[in-house]
Protein backbone atom coordinates (compact mmCIF):
# COMPACT_ATOMS: atom_id res chain seq x y z
CA MET A 1 0.07 -0.05 -0.04
CA ARG A 2 2.84 2.42 0.96
CA ILE A 3 4.59 1.84 -2.66
CA VAL A 4 1.31 2.68 -4.23
CA ALA A 5 0.69 5.85 -2.27
CA SER A 6 4.47 6.66 -3.02
CA ILE A 7 3.98 6.18 -6.64
CA MET A 8 0.78 8.07 -6.67
CA THR A 9 2.17 11.16 -4.84
CA GLY A 10 5.17 11.07 -7.27
CA PHE A 11 3.13 11.02 -10.19
CA ALA A 12 0.94 13.89 -8.75
CA LEU A 13 4.07 15.98 -8.40
CA LEU A 14 5.19 15.42 -11.86
CA SER A 15 1.87 16.12 -13.40
CA GLY A 16 1.78 19.32 -11.39
CA ALA A 17 -1.40 18.20 -9.38
CA ALA A 18 -1.48 19.28 -5.61
CA ILE A 19 -1.95 16.41 -3.55
CA GLY A 20 -1.64 17.46 0.44
CA ALA A 21 0.41 15.87 3.03
CA PRO A 22 -0.58 12.61 4.41
CA LEU A 23 -3.73 12.81 6.97
CA PRO A 24 -2.94 11.20 10.31
CA ASN A 25 -5.16 8.52 11.08
CA ASP A 26 -4.97 8.60 14.94
CA GLY A 27 -8.28 10.57 15.64
CA SER A 28 -6.53 13.78 15.99
CA TRP A 29 -8.00 16.86 14.19
CA THR A 30 -6.42 18.41 11.43
CA PRO A 31 -7.59 22.02 10.80
CA PHE A 32 -8.40 23.58 7.25
CA ASP A 33 -9.50 26.57 5.83
CA ASP A 34 -12.21 27.68 2.95
CA SER A 35 -9.74 27.14 0.17
CA THR A 36 -9.56 23.74 -1.33
CA THR A 37 -7.57 21.21 0.46
CA SER A 38 -6.29 18.02 -0.96
CA LEU A 39 -5.51 14.82 1.42
CA LEU A 40 -3.88 11.66 0.94
CA LEU A 41 -5.04 8.82 3.04
CA ASP A 42 -3.62 5.17 3.28
CA LEU A 43 -5.87 3.16 5.29
CA PRO A 44 -4.71 -0.23 6.46
CA ARG A 45 -7.91 -1.01 7.90
CA PRO A 46 -11.53 0.85 7.70
CA ALA A 47 -11.85 4.49 9.27
CA GLU A 48 -14.45 6.62 10.01
CA ILE A 49 -13.88 10.31 8.46
CA ARG A 50 -15.21 13.18 10.66
CA ILE A 51 -15.60 16.67 9.17
CA VAL A 52 -16.79 19.62 11.29
CA ASP A 53 -17.34 23.55 10.90
CA ALA A 54 -15.50 25.54 13.68
CA GLY A 55 -15.34 29.01 14.92
CA THR A 56 -18.81 30.48 14.20
CA PRO A 57 -21.28 28.04 12.91
CA GLY A 58 -22.64 28.26 9.30
CA ASP A 59 -19.83 27.13 6.94
CA ARG A 60 -20.60 23.94 4.54
CA PHE A 61 -18.06 21.78 3.03
CA LEU A 62 -17.89 19.39 0.45
CA LEU A 63 -15.97 16.21 0.54
CA THR A 64 -15.11 14.86 -2.97
CA VAL A 65 -13.27 11.45 -2.98
CA LEU A 66 -10.94 11.71 -5.99
CA LEU A 67 -9.34 8.33 -5.90
CA GLY A 68 -10.39 5.35 -4.15
CA ALA A 69 -12.55 1.95 -4.13
CA SER A 70 -15.78 3.47 -5.73
CA GLY A 71 -13.80 6.37 -7.98
CA PRO A 72 -14.92 9.86 -7.83
CA THR A 73 -17.80 10.68 -5.27
CA PHE A 74 -19.08 13.86 -3.86
CA LEU A 75 -20.28 13.79 -0.13
CA GLN A 76 -21.74 17.11 1.04
CA VAL A 77 -21.19 18.01 4.73
CA PRO A 78 -24.91 18.85 5.73
CA SER A 79 -25.78 22.32 7.13
CA SER A 80 -26.66 22.19 10.58
CA GLU A 81 -30.47 21.96 11.23
CA VAL A 82 -30.64 25.13 13.39
CA ASP A 83 -29.99 28.82 12.15
CA PRO A 84 -26.47 29.66 12.58
CA ASP A 85 -26.14 32.12 15.73
CA PRO A 86 -23.17 34.69 14.86
CA SER A 87 -22.56 35.21 18.72
CA LEU A 88 -21.79 31.53 19.09
CA ASP A 89 -18.03 31.32 18.75
CA ILE A 90 -16.53 28.03 19.76
CA GLY A 91 -12.93 28.74 18.53
CA LEU A 92 -10.91 25.76 17.68
CA ASP A 93 -12.41 23.30 20.08
CA TYR A 94 -13.34 20.90 17.34
CA ASP A 95 -14.97 18.21 19.58
CA ALA A 96 -17.35 20.93 21.08
CA ALA A 97 -18.33 21.98 17.36
CA PHE A 98 -18.84 18.28 16.68
CA SER A 99 -21.06 17.54 19.56
CA ASN A 100 -22.93 21.06 19.02
CA THR A 101 -25.84 20.62 16.58
CA ALA A 102 -25.44 24.29 15.78
CA PHE A 103 -22.12 23.41 13.63
CA SER A 104 -22.03 21.51 10.35
CA ALA A 105 -20.63 18.00 10.76
CA ALA A 106 -20.64 14.67 8.98
CA VAL A 107 -19.20 11.20 9.40
CA PHE A 108 -18.29 9.05 6.44
CA GLU A 109 -16.87 5.66 6.36
CA LEU A 110 -13.96 4.46 4.18
CA GLY A 111 -12.51 1.03 3.47
CA VAL A 112 -9.04 -0.28 3.43
CA GLY A 113 -6.81 1.33 0.54
CA VAL A 114 -5.45 4.62 -0.70
CA TRP A 115 -7.70 7.63 -0.82
CA GLU A 116 -7.32 10.97 -2.33
CA LEU A 117 -9.80 13.28 -0.90
CA GLN A 118 -10.51 16.98 -1.69
CA LEU A 119 -12.30 19.21 0.82
CA GLY A 120 -13.76 22.36 -0.64
CA THR A 121 -16.15 25.28 0.95
CA LEU A 122 -19.91 25.71 -0.20
CA ALA A 123 -20.78 28.46 1.80
CA THR A 124 -19.05 30.54 4.75
CA VAL A 125 -19.72 32.98 7.25
CA PRO A 126 -18.07 36.14 6.54
CA GLY A 127 -14.42 36.08 8.01
CA GLU A 128 -14.80 32.49 9.01
CA GLY A 129 -14.69 29.39 6.57
CA TYR A 130 -12.50 26.92 8.32
CA GLY A 131 -13.15 23.54 9.95
CA ALA A 132 -11.37 20.29 10.63
CA ILE A 133 -11.11 16.60 9.68
CA ALA A 134 -10.26 13.61 11.81
CA VAL A 135 -9.74 10.00 10.75
CA LEU A 136 -10.79 7.50 13.41
CA PRO A 137 -9.58 3.89 12.38
CA ALA A 138 -11.73 1.04 13.27
CA PRO A 139 -10.64 -0.49 16.52
CA ILE A 140 -8.57 -3.59 16.57
CA PRO A 141 -10.10 -6.39 18.64
CA GLU A 142 -8.15 -7.22 21.88
CA PRO A 143 -6.61 -10.43 22.06
CA ALA A 144 -8.91 -11.48 25.00
CA THR A 145 -12.06 -10.85 22.65
CA THR A 146 -10.40 -12.76 19.78
CA ALA A 147 -9.73 -15.68 22.11
CA MET A 148 -13.32 -15.75 23.28
CA LEU A 149 -14.68 -15.62 19.90
CA VAL A 150 -12.48 -18.70 19.15
CA VAL A 151 -13.69 -20.50 22.25
CA GLY A 152 -17.22 -19.60 21.54
CA VAL A 153 -17.02 -21.06 17.91
CA ILE A 154 -15.32 -24.20 19.13
CA ALA A 155 -17.94 -24.90 21.96
CA THR A 156 -20.59 -24.27 19.35
CA GLY A 157 -19.08 -26.46 16.91
CA ALA A 158 -18.81 -29.31 19.78
CA CYS A 159 -22.44 -29.06 20.63
CA VAL A 160 -23.66 -29.30 17.16
CA ARG A 161 -21.55 -32.18 16.53
CA ARG A 162 -22.67 -33.87 19.74
CA ARG A 163 -26.38 -33.23 18.91
CA GLY A 164 -25.77 -34.73 15.42
CA SER A 165 -24.27 -37.79 16.95
CA SER A 166 -26.99 -38.16 19.51
CA VAL A 167 -29.83 -37.93 16.62
CA ARG A 168 -27.94 -40.74 14.78
CA GLY A 169 -27.46 -43.12 17.73
């Protein structure tokens, strides 16, 4: 996967296309402004993409998947369902903005693979126009959970086998 990402980045640099720096996939927020922002993701496992407006509510964004499993796709971050209150200024507290229904926010799921994304602004509050994006990878099951699953499958198989032999006998 990393080789493919390196080749894609190299090709983009040669062709003059702007691809942003790789986006961290540790759940941390990466801020962006109202200019078009290109992002590159190399996901070793499925992940949840979160996008949120910040500062004063009222900005709307468009996430475009340029390269990925499904090809070009346009995903609009919906507007908040309440009228924007210009006196509400949450600053750069992206977690607070994400949990506040006054701010535009969205969650998208992406599968394993290399993804090229582009964030653009559809509407902005004057003097604002910034938000943040975070990538939360799907959790890896703990060894104890996996072991319990294996034991359950074996126990179920043993019960089915015993039931099958008692029916015949």
